[in-house]
Amino acid sequence: MSALFSRTFLLAVVLSLTACASSEQAKQQAEQVPVNQAPVYDDPRDPFERVNRSLWDFNYDILDAYILRPATVGYMTVVPKPARKGLINVVDNLGEPASFLNSILQAKPEKAAVSAGRFLVNSTVGVLGIFDVASKIGLERADEDFNQTLAVWGVGDGPYLMVPARGPTTVRGTAGGLVDNLYFPLGLLNTPLTLTRAAILALDGREQLMQVENMLNDSLDPYSFVKQSYFQRQLFKIYDGNPPAPEETLDDDILDFLDDID
């Protein structure tokens, strides 16, 4: 399971506390559909919802329950927290050149300069990124990806997809992820290093869920929460934390939370 799935899952739990519209809609649909009749899915963003729901069940009920969560518990037990922080710092540092290039493509020179500065500082003073020295001197991570770049260029999301072992994405998000992995230095990593990076991201993301996962389990429709939170997160990133106001605006605490998990 990727970090994207884990972080989106975490955001879904937080959104559940705001009683977001998707939950109410799912409740209304459940009340209108007889028990012996298959539910009708009409979300235009999610034309493959029947298949996606099955893949969500596979991801969460099988892969997460029997592989990712137990592995994360073992990882947290064996690897001390400072070491885990150092590992995720290294992984994040490898993504700074991609963030730099995407900032350029999005005409955000200030963010590009920050990403370049972070990579230089953390790769040298921070010992290959183990220590996030850049944040301590005021260079906060920008985290721009090619999915955001495509959105800025006017490319639509495409159908929503629930990918086995990865989690929620869209056609645009999938294409963006593939391009980001071609940037230096990610494109130079061999297969073992690429798998190690993916594993660290997944374990770190899953670790963030440990204290709040029960809230999502108790929600009316976890699948809808995850889908809604995915699109909310993408809007938040595309508009640099200031998305257009929806019908139900997220409060300041939720916006601060979104900013913290990027």
C-alpha atoms as a PDB file:
ATOM      1  CA  MET A   1       0.000   0.000   0.000  1.00  0.00           C
ATOM      2  CA  SER A   2       1.476   3.331  -0.918  1.00  0.00           C
ATOM      3  CA  ALA A   3       1.910   6.418   1.207  1.00  0.00           C
ATOM      4  CA  LEU A   4      -0.736   8.076  -0.923  1.00  0.00           C
ATOM      5  CA  PHE A   5      -3.303   5.504   0.257  1.00  0.00           C
ATOM      6  CA  SER A   6      -2.235   5.863   3.880  1.00  0.00           C
ATOM      7  CA  ARG A   7      -2.242   9.651   3.941  1.00  0.00           C
ATOM      8  CA  THR A   8      -5.543   9.839   2.114  1.00  0.00           C
ATOM      9  CA  PHE A   9      -6.932   7.328   4.607  1.00  0.00           C
ATOM     10  CA  LEU A  10      -5.772   9.574   7.459  1.00  0.00           C
ATOM     11  CA  LEU A  11      -7.396  12.607   5.878  1.00  0.00           C
ATOM     12  CA  ALA A  12     -10.627  10.656   5.482  1.00  0.00           C
ATOM     13  CA  VAL A  13     -10.773  10.153   9.233  1.00  0.00           C
ATOM     14  CA  VAL A  14     -10.362  13.858   9.872  1.00  0.00           C
ATOM     15  CA  LEU A  15     -13.002  14.748   7.304  1.00  0.00           C
ATOM     16  CA  SER A  16     -15.370  12.346   9.019  1.00  0.00           C
ATOM     17  CA  LEU A  17     -15.315  14.629  12.062  1.00  0.00           C
ATOM     18  CA  THR A  18     -16.728  17.462   9.928  1.00  0.00           C
ATOM     19  CA  ALA A  19     -19.720  15.382   8.747  1.00  0.00           C
ATOM     20  CA  CYS A  20     -18.878  16.008   5.116  1.00  0.00           C
ATOM     21  CA  ALA A  21     -21.502  15.845   2.403  1.00  0.00           C
ATOM     22  CA  SER A  22     -20.424  12.502   0.972  1.00  0.00           C
ATOM     23  CA  SER A  23     -21.389  10.715   4.170  1.00  0.00           C
ATOM     24  CA  GLU A  24     -24.862  12.204   4.160  1.00  0.00           C
ATOM     25  CA  GLN A  25     -25.327  11.341   0.496  1.00  0.00           C
ATOM     26  CA  ALA A  26     -24.309   7.734   1.121  1.00  0.00           C
ATOM     27  CA  LYS A  27     -26.761   7.560   4.005  1.00  0.00           C
ATOM     28  CA  GLN A  28     -29.599   8.850   1.850  1.00  0.00           C
ATOM     29  CA  GLN A  29     -28.764   6.349  -0.893  1.00  0.00           C
ATOM     30  CA  ALA A  30     -28.707   3.507   1.619  1.00  0.00           C
ATOM     31  CA  GLU A  31     -32.152   4.499   2.901  1.00  0.00           C
ATOM     32  CA  GLN A  32     -33.614   4.655  -0.612  1.00  0.00           C
ATOM     33  CA  VAL A  33     -32.275   1.315  -1.895  1.00  0.00           C
ATOM     34  CA  PRO A  34     -34.097  -1.879  -0.818  1.00  0.00           C
ATOM     35  CA  VAL A  35     -32.019  -4.484   0.958  1.00  0.00           C
ATOM     36  CA  ASN A  36     -32.334  -6.999  -1.876  1.00  0.00           C
ATOM     37  CA  GLN A  37     -31.490  -4.507  -4.602  1.00  0.00           C
ATOM     38  CA  ALA A  38     -27.970  -3.573  -5.714  1.00  0.00           C
ATOM     39  CA  PRO A  39     -27.095   0.065  -4.963  1.00  0.00           C
ATOM     40  CA  VAL A  40     -26.979   2.559  -7.825  1.00  0.00           C
ATOM     41  CA  TYR A  41     -23.720   4.457  -8.219  1.00  0.00           C
ATOM     42  CA  ASP A  42     -23.995   7.823  -9.941  1.00  0.00           C
ATOM     43  CA  ASP A  43     -20.824   9.745  -9.092  1.00  0.00           C
ATOM     44  CA  PRO A  44     -19.590  11.066 -12.469  1.00  0.00           C
ATOM     45  CA  ARG A  45     -16.030  11.137 -11.143  1.00  0.00           C
ATOM     46  CA  ASP A  46     -16.204   7.422 -10.370  1.00  0.00           C
ATOM     47  CA  PRO A  47     -17.625   5.524 -13.373  1.00  0.00           C
ATOM     48  CA  PHE A  48     -15.988   2.269 -12.202  1.00  0.00           C
ATOM     49  CA  GLU A  49     -17.331   2.417  -8.661  1.00  0.00           C
ATOM     50  CA  ARG A  50     -18.483  -1.194  -8.503  1.00  0.00           C
ATOM     51  CA  VAL A  51     -14.993  -2.438  -9.343  1.00  0.00           C
ATOM     52  CA  ASN A  52     -13.315   0.255  -7.240  1.00  0.00           C
ATOM     53  CA  ARG A  53     -15.300  -0.733  -4.166  1.00  0.00           C
ATOM     54  CA  SER A  54     -14.190  -4.331  -4.537  1.00  0.00           C
ATOM     55  CA  LEU A  55     -10.582  -3.194  -4.839  1.00  0.00           C
ATOM     56  CA  TRP A  56     -10.992  -0.980  -1.778  1.00  0.00           C
ATOM     57  CA  ASP A  57     -12.172  -4.003   0.202  1.00  0.00           C
ATOM     58  CA  PHE A  58      -9.170  -5.969  -1.059  1.00  0.00           C
ATOM     59  CA  ASN A  59      -6.752  -3.162  -0.168  1.00  0.00           C
ATOM     60  CA  TYR A  60      -8.097  -2.469   3.292  1.00  0.00           C
ATOM     61  CA  ASP A  61      -9.552  -5.761   4.475  1.00  0.00           C
ATOM     62  CA  ILE A  62      -6.775  -7.986   3.130  1.00  0.00           C
ATOM     63  CA  LEU A  63      -3.570  -6.163   2.172  1.00  0.00           C
ATOM     64  CA  ASP A  64      -3.706  -3.688   5.021  1.00  0.00           C
ATOM     65  CA  ALA A  65      -5.065  -6.048   7.657  1.00  0.00           C
ATOM     66  CA  TYR A  66      -2.725  -8.951   6.944  1.00  0.00           C
ATOM     67  CA  ILE A  67       0.384  -7.310   5.486  1.00  0.00           C
ATOM     68  CA  LEU A  68       0.813  -3.538   5.841  1.00  0.00           C
ATOM     69  CA  ARG A  69      -0.456  -3.004   9.372  1.00  0.00           C
ATOM     70  CA  PRO A  70       1.436  -5.959  10.917  1.00  0.00           C
ATOM     71  CA  ALA A  71       4.569  -4.937   9.024  1.00  0.00           C
ATOM     72  CA  THR A  72       4.215  -1.376  10.300  1.00  0.00           C
ATOM     73  CA  VAL A  73       3.820  -2.547  13.886  1.00  0.00           C
ATOM     74  CA  GLY A  74       6.990  -4.616  13.523  1.00  0.00           C
ATOM     75  CA  TYR A  75       8.814  -1.697  11.885  1.00  0.00           C
ATOM     76  CA  MET A  76       7.862   0.634  14.735  1.00  0.00           C
ATOM     77  CA  THR A  77       8.965  -1.968  17.276  1.00  0.00           C
ATOM     78  CA  VAL A  78      12.365  -2.708  15.746  1.00  0.00           C
ATOM     79  CA  VAL A  79      13.389   0.668  14.309  1.00  0.00           C
ATOM     80  CA  PRO A  80      13.699   3.585  16.784  1.00  0.00           C
ATOM     81  CA  LYS A  81      11.687   6.702  15.985  1.00  0.00           C
ATOM     82  CA  PRO A  82      14.757   8.914  15.236  1.00  0.00           C
ATOM     83  CA  ALA A  83      15.931   6.325  12.711  1.00  0.00           C
ATOM     84  CA  ARG A  84      12.488   6.144  11.120  1.00  0.00           C
ATOM     85  CA  LYS A  85      12.462   9.927  10.845  1.00  0.00           C
ATOM     86  CA  GLY A  86      15.883   9.872   9.211  1.00  0.00           C
ATOM     87  CA  LEU A  87      14.750   7.311   6.643  1.00  0.00           C
ATOM     88  CA  ILE A  88      11.676   9.288   5.606  1.00  0.00           C
ATOM     89  CA  ASN A  89      13.813  12.442   5.431  1.00  0.00           C
ATOM     90  CA  VAL A  90      16.096  10.698   2.926  1.00  0.00           C
ATOM     91  CA  VAL A  91      13.128   9.583   0.846  1.00  0.00           C
ATOM     92  CA  ASP A  92      11.601  13.068   0.872  1.00  0.00           C
ATOM     93  CA  ASN A  93      14.926  14.583  -0.115  1.00  0.00           C
ATOM     94  CA  LEU A  94      15.070  12.356  -3.206  1.00  0.00           C
ATOM     95  CA  GLY A  95      11.834  13.976  -4.360  1.00  0.00           C
ATOM     96  CA  GLU A  96      13.079  17.568  -4.138  1.00  0.00           C
ATOM     97  CA  PRO A  97      14.428  17.715  -7.741  1.00  0.00           C
ATOM     98  CA  ALA A  98      11.011  16.606  -9.027  1.00  0.00           C
ATOM     99  CA  SER A  99       9.370  19.285  -6.910  1.00  0.00           C
ATOM    100  CA  PHE A 100      11.837  21.830  -8.324  1.00  0.00           C
ATOM    101  CA  LEU A 101      11.044  20.920 -11.943  1.00  0.00           C
ATOM    102  CA  ASN A 102       7.299  20.863 -11.361  1.00  0.00           C
ATOM    103  CA  SER A 103       7.455  24.269  -9.709  1.00  0.00           C
ATOM    104  CA  ILE A 104       9.218  25.594 -12.818  1.00  0.00           C
ATOM    105  CA  LEU A 105       6.568  24.014 -15.061  1.00  0.00           C
ATOM    106  CA  GLN A 106       3.858  25.631 -12.937  1.00  0.00           C
ATOM    107  CA  ALA A 107       5.553  29.063 -13.079  1.00  0.00           C
ATOM    108  CA  LYS A 108       6.253  29.103  -9.338  1.00  0.00           C
ATOM    109  CA  PRO A 109       9.854  30.375  -9.184  1.00  0.00           C
ATOM    110  CA  GLU A 110       9.834  30.936  -5.424  1.00  0.00           C
ATOM    111  CA  LYS A 111       8.842  27.341  -4.714  1.00  0.00           C
ATOM    112  CA  ALA A 112      11.389  26.124  -7.242  1.00  0.00           C
ATOM    113  CA  ALA A 113      14.101  28.046  -5.402  1.00  0.00           C
ATOM    114  CA  VAL A 114      12.994  26.551  -2.080  1.00  0.00           C
ATOM    115  CA  SER A 115      13.103  22.988  -3.461  1.00  0.00           C
ATOM    116  CA  ALA A 116      16.543  23.556  -4.965  1.00  0.00           C
ATOM    117  CA  GLY A 117      17.782  25.037  -1.714  1.00  0.00           C
ATOM    118  CA  ARG A 118      16.364  22.188   0.332  1.00  0.00           C
ATOM    119  CA  PHE A 119      18.019  19.574  -1.863  1.00  0.00           C
ATOM    120  CA  LEU A 120      21.385  21.332  -1.692  1.00  0.00           C
ATOM    121  CA  VAL A 121      21.297  21.903   2.071  1.00  0.00           C
ATOM    122  CA  ASN A 122      19.907  18.535   3.086  1.00  0.00           C
ATOM    123  CA  SER A 123      22.121  16.568   0.695  1.00  0.00           C
ATOM    124  CA  THR A 124      25.244  18.185   2.138  1.00  0.00           C
ATOM    125  CA  VAL A 125      24.824  19.578   5.647  1.00  0.00           C
ATOM    126  CA  GLY A 126      21.963  17.154   6.260  1.00  0.00           C
ATOM    127  CA  VAL A 127      24.113  14.128   5.310  1.00  0.00           C
ATOM    128  CA  LEU A 128      22.280  12.909   2.195  1.00  0.00           C
ATOM    129  CA  GLY A 129      18.983  14.062   3.632  1.00  0.00           C
ATOM    130  CA  ILE A 130      19.034  12.127   6.900  1.00  0.00           C
ATOM    131  CA  PHE A 131      18.648  15.407   8.798  1.00  0.00           C
ATOM    132  CA  ASP A 132      16.122  17.990   7.602  1.00  0.00           C
ATOM    133  CA  VAL A 133      18.364  20.984   8.183  1.00  0.00           C
ATOM    134  CA  ALA A 134      16.536  23.016   5.518  1.00  0.00           C
ATOM    135  CA  SER A 135      13.305  23.146   7.525  1.00  0.00           C
ATOM    136  CA  LYS A 136      15.210  24.407  10.554  1.00  0.00           C
ATOM    137  CA  ILE A 137      16.446  27.414   8.566  1.00  0.00           C
ATOM    138  CA  GLY A 138      13.020  28.227   7.167  1.00  0.00           C
ATOM    139  CA  LEU A 139      12.983  26.284   3.882  1.00  0.00           C
ATOM    140  CA  GLU A 140       9.720  24.370   4.203  1.00  0.00           C
ATOM    141  CA  ARG A 141       9.010  21.566   1.737  1.00  0.00           C
ATOM    142  CA  ALA A 142       6.984  22.646  -1.314  1.00  0.00           C
ATOM    143  CA  ASP A 143       5.947  19.157  -2.563  1.00  0.00           C
ATOM    144  CA  GLU A 144       4.907  19.934  -6.141  1.00  0.00           C
ATOM    145  CA  ASP A 145       4.239  16.929  -8.395  1.00  0.00           C
ATOM    146  CA  PHE A 146       3.409  16.363 -12.049  1.00  0.00           C
ATOM    147  CA  ASN A 147      -0.215  15.598 -11.211  1.00  0.00           C
ATOM    148  CA  GLN A 148      -0.477  19.181  -9.973  1.00  0.00           C
ATOM    149  CA  THR A 149       1.391  20.402 -13.042  1.00  0.00           C
ATOM    150  CA  LEU A 150      -1.104  18.713 -15.357  1.00  0.00           C
ATOM    151  CA  ALA A 151      -3.975  20.245 -13.369  1.00  0.00           C
ATOM    152  CA  VAL A 152      -2.424  23.711 -13.692  1.00  0.00           C
ATOM    153  CA  TRP A 153      -2.162  23.117 -17.438  1.00  0.00           C
ATOM    154  CA  GLY A 154      -5.889  22.381 -17.553  1.00  0.00           C
ATOM    155  CA  VAL A 155      -5.837  18.569 -17.759  1.00  0.00           C
ATOM    156  CA  GLY A 156      -8.843  16.996 -16.046  1.00  0.00           C
ATOM    157  CA  ASP A 157      -8.719  14.280 -13.402  1.00  0.00           C
ATOM    158  CA  GLY A 158     -10.081  11.484 -15.558  1.00  0.00           C
ATOM    159  CA  PRO A 159     -11.890   8.561 -13.904  1.00  0.00           C
ATOM    160  CA  TYR A 160     -11.281   7.858 -10.230  1.00  0.00           C
ATOM    161  CA  LEU A 161      -9.398   4.597  -9.682  1.00  0.00           C
ATOM    162  CA  MET A 162      -8.767   2.384  -6.668  1.00  0.00           C
ATOM    163  CA  VAL A 163      -5.518   0.612  -7.494  1.00  0.00           C
ATOM    164  CA  PRO A 164      -4.507  -2.639  -5.737  1.00  0.00           C
ATOM    165  CA  ALA A 165      -1.680  -2.036  -3.233  1.00  0.00           C
ATOM    166  CA  ARG A 166      -1.610   1.665  -4.083  1.00  0.00           C
ATOM    167  CA  GLY A 167      -4.999   3.038  -3.177  1.00  0.00           C
ATOM    168  CA  PRO A 168      -6.954   6.004  -4.536  1.00  0.00           C
ATOM    169  CA  THR A 169      -5.842   7.873  -7.629  1.00  0.00           C
ATOM    170  CA  THR A 170      -7.126   9.072 -10.997  1.00  0.00           C
ATOM    171  CA  VAL A 171      -5.930   8.626 -14.564  1.00  0.00           C
ATOM    172  CA  ARG A 172      -4.166  11.989 -14.289  1.00  0.00           C
ATOM    173  CA  GLY A 173      -2.691  11.084 -10.928  1.00  0.00           C
ATOM    174  CA  THR A 174      -1.343   7.809 -12.267  1.00  0.00           C
ATOM    175  CA  ALA A 175       0.267   9.518 -15.260  1.00  0.00           C
ATOM    176  CA  GLY A 176       1.729  12.192 -13.007  1.00  0.00           C
ATOM    177  CA  GLY A 177       3.270   9.611 -10.700  1.00  0.00           C
ATOM    178  CA  LEU A 178       4.905   7.814 -13.599  1.00  0.00           C
ATOM    179  CA  VAL A 179       6.497  11.044 -14.845  1.00  0.00           C
ATOM    180  CA  ASP A 180       7.722  12.049 -11.379  1.00  0.00           C
ATOM    181  CA  ASN A 181       9.554   8.735 -11.071  1.00  0.00           C
ATOM    182  CA  LEU A 182      11.534   9.540 -14.213  1.00  0.00           C
ATOM    183  CA  TYR A 183      13.088  12.683 -12.753  1.00  0.00           C
ATOM    184  CA  PHE A 184      16.606  12.767 -11.323  1.00  0.00           C
ATOM    185  CA  PRO A 185      17.566  11.082  -9.041  1.00  0.00           C
ATOM    186  CA  LEU A 186      14.527   8.776  -8.857  1.00  0.00           C
ATOM    187  CA  GLY A 187      15.003   7.688 -12.466  1.00  0.00           C
ATOM    188  CA  LEU A 188      18.516   6.491 -11.648  1.00  0.00           C
ATOM    189  CA  LEU A 189      17.533   4.234  -8.754  1.00  0.00           C
ATOM    190  CA  ASN A 190      17.792   0.511  -9.365  1.00  0.00           C
ATOM    191  CA  THR A 191      14.914  -1.822  -8.570  1.00  0.00           C
ATOM    192  CA  PRO A 192      15.971  -2.712  -4.984  1.00  0.00           C
ATOM    193  CA  LEU A 193      16.368   0.975  -4.083  1.00  0.00           C
ATOM    194  CA  THR A 194      13.053   1.852  -5.713  1.00  0.00           C
ATOM    195  CA  LEU A 195      11.286  -0.888  -3.752  1.00  0.00           C
ATOM    196  CA  THR A 196      13.000   0.208  -0.539  1.00  0.00           C
ATOM    197  CA  ARG A 197      11.834   3.782  -1.099  1.00  0.00           C
ATOM    198  CA  ALA A 198       8.261   2.610  -1.722  1.00  0.00           C
ATOM    199  CA  ALA A 199       8.328   0.446   1.402  1.00  0.00           C
ATOM    200  CA  ILE A 200       9.560   3.297   3.598  1.00  0.00           C
ATOM    201  CA  LEU A 201       6.844   5.605   2.254  1.00  0.00           C
ATOM    202  CA  ALA A 202       4.166   2.980   2.867  1.00  0.00           C
ATOM    203  CA  LEU A 203       5.339   2.178   6.398  1.00  0.00           C
ATOM    204  CA  ASP A 204       5.665   5.842   7.332  1.00  0.00           C
ATOM    205  CA  GLY A 205       2.222   6.639   5.958  1.00  0.00           C
ATOM    206  CA  ARG A 206       0.629   3.686   7.760  1.00  0.00           C
ATOM    207  CA  GLU A 207       2.292   4.684  11.019  1.00  0.00           C
ATOM    208  CA  GLN A 208       0.391   7.961  10.922  1.00  0.00           C
ATOM    209  CA  LEU A 209      -2.922   6.091  11.019  1.00  0.00           C
ATOM    210  CA  MET A 210      -2.435   4.077  14.164  1.00  0.00           C
ATOM    211  CA  GLN A 211      -4.090   6.505  16.559  1.00  0.00           C
ATOM    212  CA  VAL A 212      -7.108   7.409  14.449  1.00  0.00           C
ATOM    213  CA  GLU A 213      -7.965   4.383  12.294  1.00  0.00           C
ATOM    214  CA  ASN A 214     -10.932   3.344  14.476  1.00  0.00           C
ATOM    215  CA  MET A 215     -12.747   6.547  13.508  1.00  0.00           C
ATOM    216  CA  LEU A 216     -12.771   5.559   9.854  1.00  0.00           C
ATOM    217  CA  ASN A 217     -13.836   2.016  10.691  1.00  0.00           C
ATOM    218  CA  ASP A 218     -16.883   3.463  12.455  1.00  0.00           C
ATOM    219  CA  SER A 219     -17.876   5.717   9.545  1.00  0.00           C
ATOM    220  CA  LEU A 220     -20.996   4.978   7.501  1.00  0.00           C
ATOM    221  CA  ASP A 221     -19.173   4.494   4.189  1.00  0.00           C
ATOM    222  CA  PRO A 222     -15.352   4.363   4.404  1.00  0.00           C
ATOM    223  CA  TYR A 223     -15.020   4.086   0.629  1.00  0.00           C
ATOM    224  CA  SER A 224     -16.858   7.375   0.070  1.00  0.00           C
ATOM    225  CA  PHE A 225     -14.849   9.085   2.787  1.00  0.00           C
ATOM    226  CA  VAL A 226     -11.587   8.040   1.172  1.00  0.00           C
ATOM    227  CA  LYS A 227     -12.742   9.123  -2.277  1.00  0.00           C
ATOM    228  CA  GLN A 228     -13.961  12.492  -1.046  1.00  0.00           C
ATOM    229  CA  SER A 229     -10.781  13.099   0.920  1.00  0.00           C
ATOM    230  CA  TYR A 230      -8.637  12.219  -2.103  1.00  0.00           C
ATOM    231  CA  PHE A 231     -10.271  14.910  -4.221  1.00  0.00           C
ATOM    232  CA  GLN A 232     -10.146  17.402  -1.345  1.00  0.00           C
ATOM    233  CA  ARG A 233      -6.453  16.734  -0.891  1.00  0.00           C
ATOM    234  CA  GLN A 234      -5.743  17.201  -4.600  1.00  0.00           C
ATOM    235  CA  LEU A 235      -7.573  20.537  -4.642  1.00  0.00           C
ATOM    236  CA  PHE A 236      -5.676  21.598  -1.540  1.00  0.00           C
ATOM    237  CA  LYS A 237      -2.341  20.805  -3.197  1.00  0.00           C
ATOM    238  CA  ILE A 238      -3.192  22.256  -6.616  1.00  0.00           C
ATOM    239  CA  TYR A 239      -4.253  25.572  -5.102  1.00  0.00           C
ATOM    240  CA  ASP A 240      -1.382  25.666  -2.591  1.00  0.00           C
ATOM    241  CA  GLY A 241      -3.642  25.389   0.430  1.00  0.00           C
ATOM    242  CA  ASN A 242      -6.262  27.877  -0.798  1.00  0.00           C
ATOM    243  CA  PRO A 243      -8.807  25.897  -2.866  1.00  0.00           C
ATOM    244  CA  PRO A 244     -12.012  27.531  -4.136  1.00  0.00           C
ATOM    245  CA  ALA A 245     -14.635  27.544  -1.428  1.00  0.00           C
ATOM    246  CA  PRO A 246     -16.931  24.489  -1.784  1.00  0.00           C
ATOM    247  CA  GLU A 247     -20.520  24.392  -0.619  1.00  0.00           C
ATOM    248  CA  GLU A 248     -19.251  23.218   2.761  1.00  0.00           C
ATOM    249  CA  THR A 249     -15.981  24.944   3.539  1.00  0.00           C
ATOM    250  CA  LEU A 250     -13.362  23.158   5.614  1.00  0.00           C
ATOM    251  CA  ASP A 251     -12.541  25.041   8.795  1.00  0.00           C
ATOM    252  CA  ASP A 252      -9.108  26.433   9.624  1.00  0.00           C
ATOM    253  CA  ASP A 253      -8.126  23.444  11.772  1.00  0.00           C
ATOM    254  CA  ILE A 254      -8.709  21.033   8.871  1.00  0.00           C
ATOM    255  CA  LEU A 255      -6.777  23.273   6.461  1.00  0.00           C
ATOM    256  CA  ASP A 256      -3.880  23.406   8.921  1.00  0.00           C
ATOM    257  CA  PHE A 257      -3.968  19.614   9.179  1.00  0.00           C
ATOM    258  CA  LEU A 258      -3.868  19.234   5.392  1.00  0.00           C
ATOM    259  CA  ASP A 259      -0.853  21.510   5.259  1.00  0.00           C
ATOM    260  CA  ASP A 260       0.935  19.501   7.950  1.00  0.00           C
ATOM    261  CA  ILE A 261       0.596  16.117   6.196  1.00  0.00           C
ATOM    262  CA  ASP A 262       1.933  17.302   2.825  1.00  0.00           C
END
